[in-house]
């Protein structure tokens, strides 16, 4: 089992993704992640429309979850008040990850 996390404050989201991907791949020592958790600042909202498909194309074997937030955590840091993007990745051999969806009207 290996975990890796990276954060970027690049001005453009594709550049931030490139930076985080390079660090994640290096930290996972050649293993492909099974799970990716992605966080992005709302300032990137105009650039985020294709992000899920882009991340899935770059990491085809990973289950991907993500959200936006004003404070972005990754790489052992928290960044607030400026645009940031982070990825946390896990290589989890022998672990089954079950995807599920909960609609907002099903929440307590």
Foldseek 3Di string as FASTA:
>chain_A
DFKAKDKDQDPAPVVRVVVQVVRRCVRVPNAQFAEKEKEWECVNVVVCPCVVVVVCVVRVNYDYHYDYDQWDDIPNDIDHDGIMMMMMTHHDPPDDDDDDDDDPVNDD
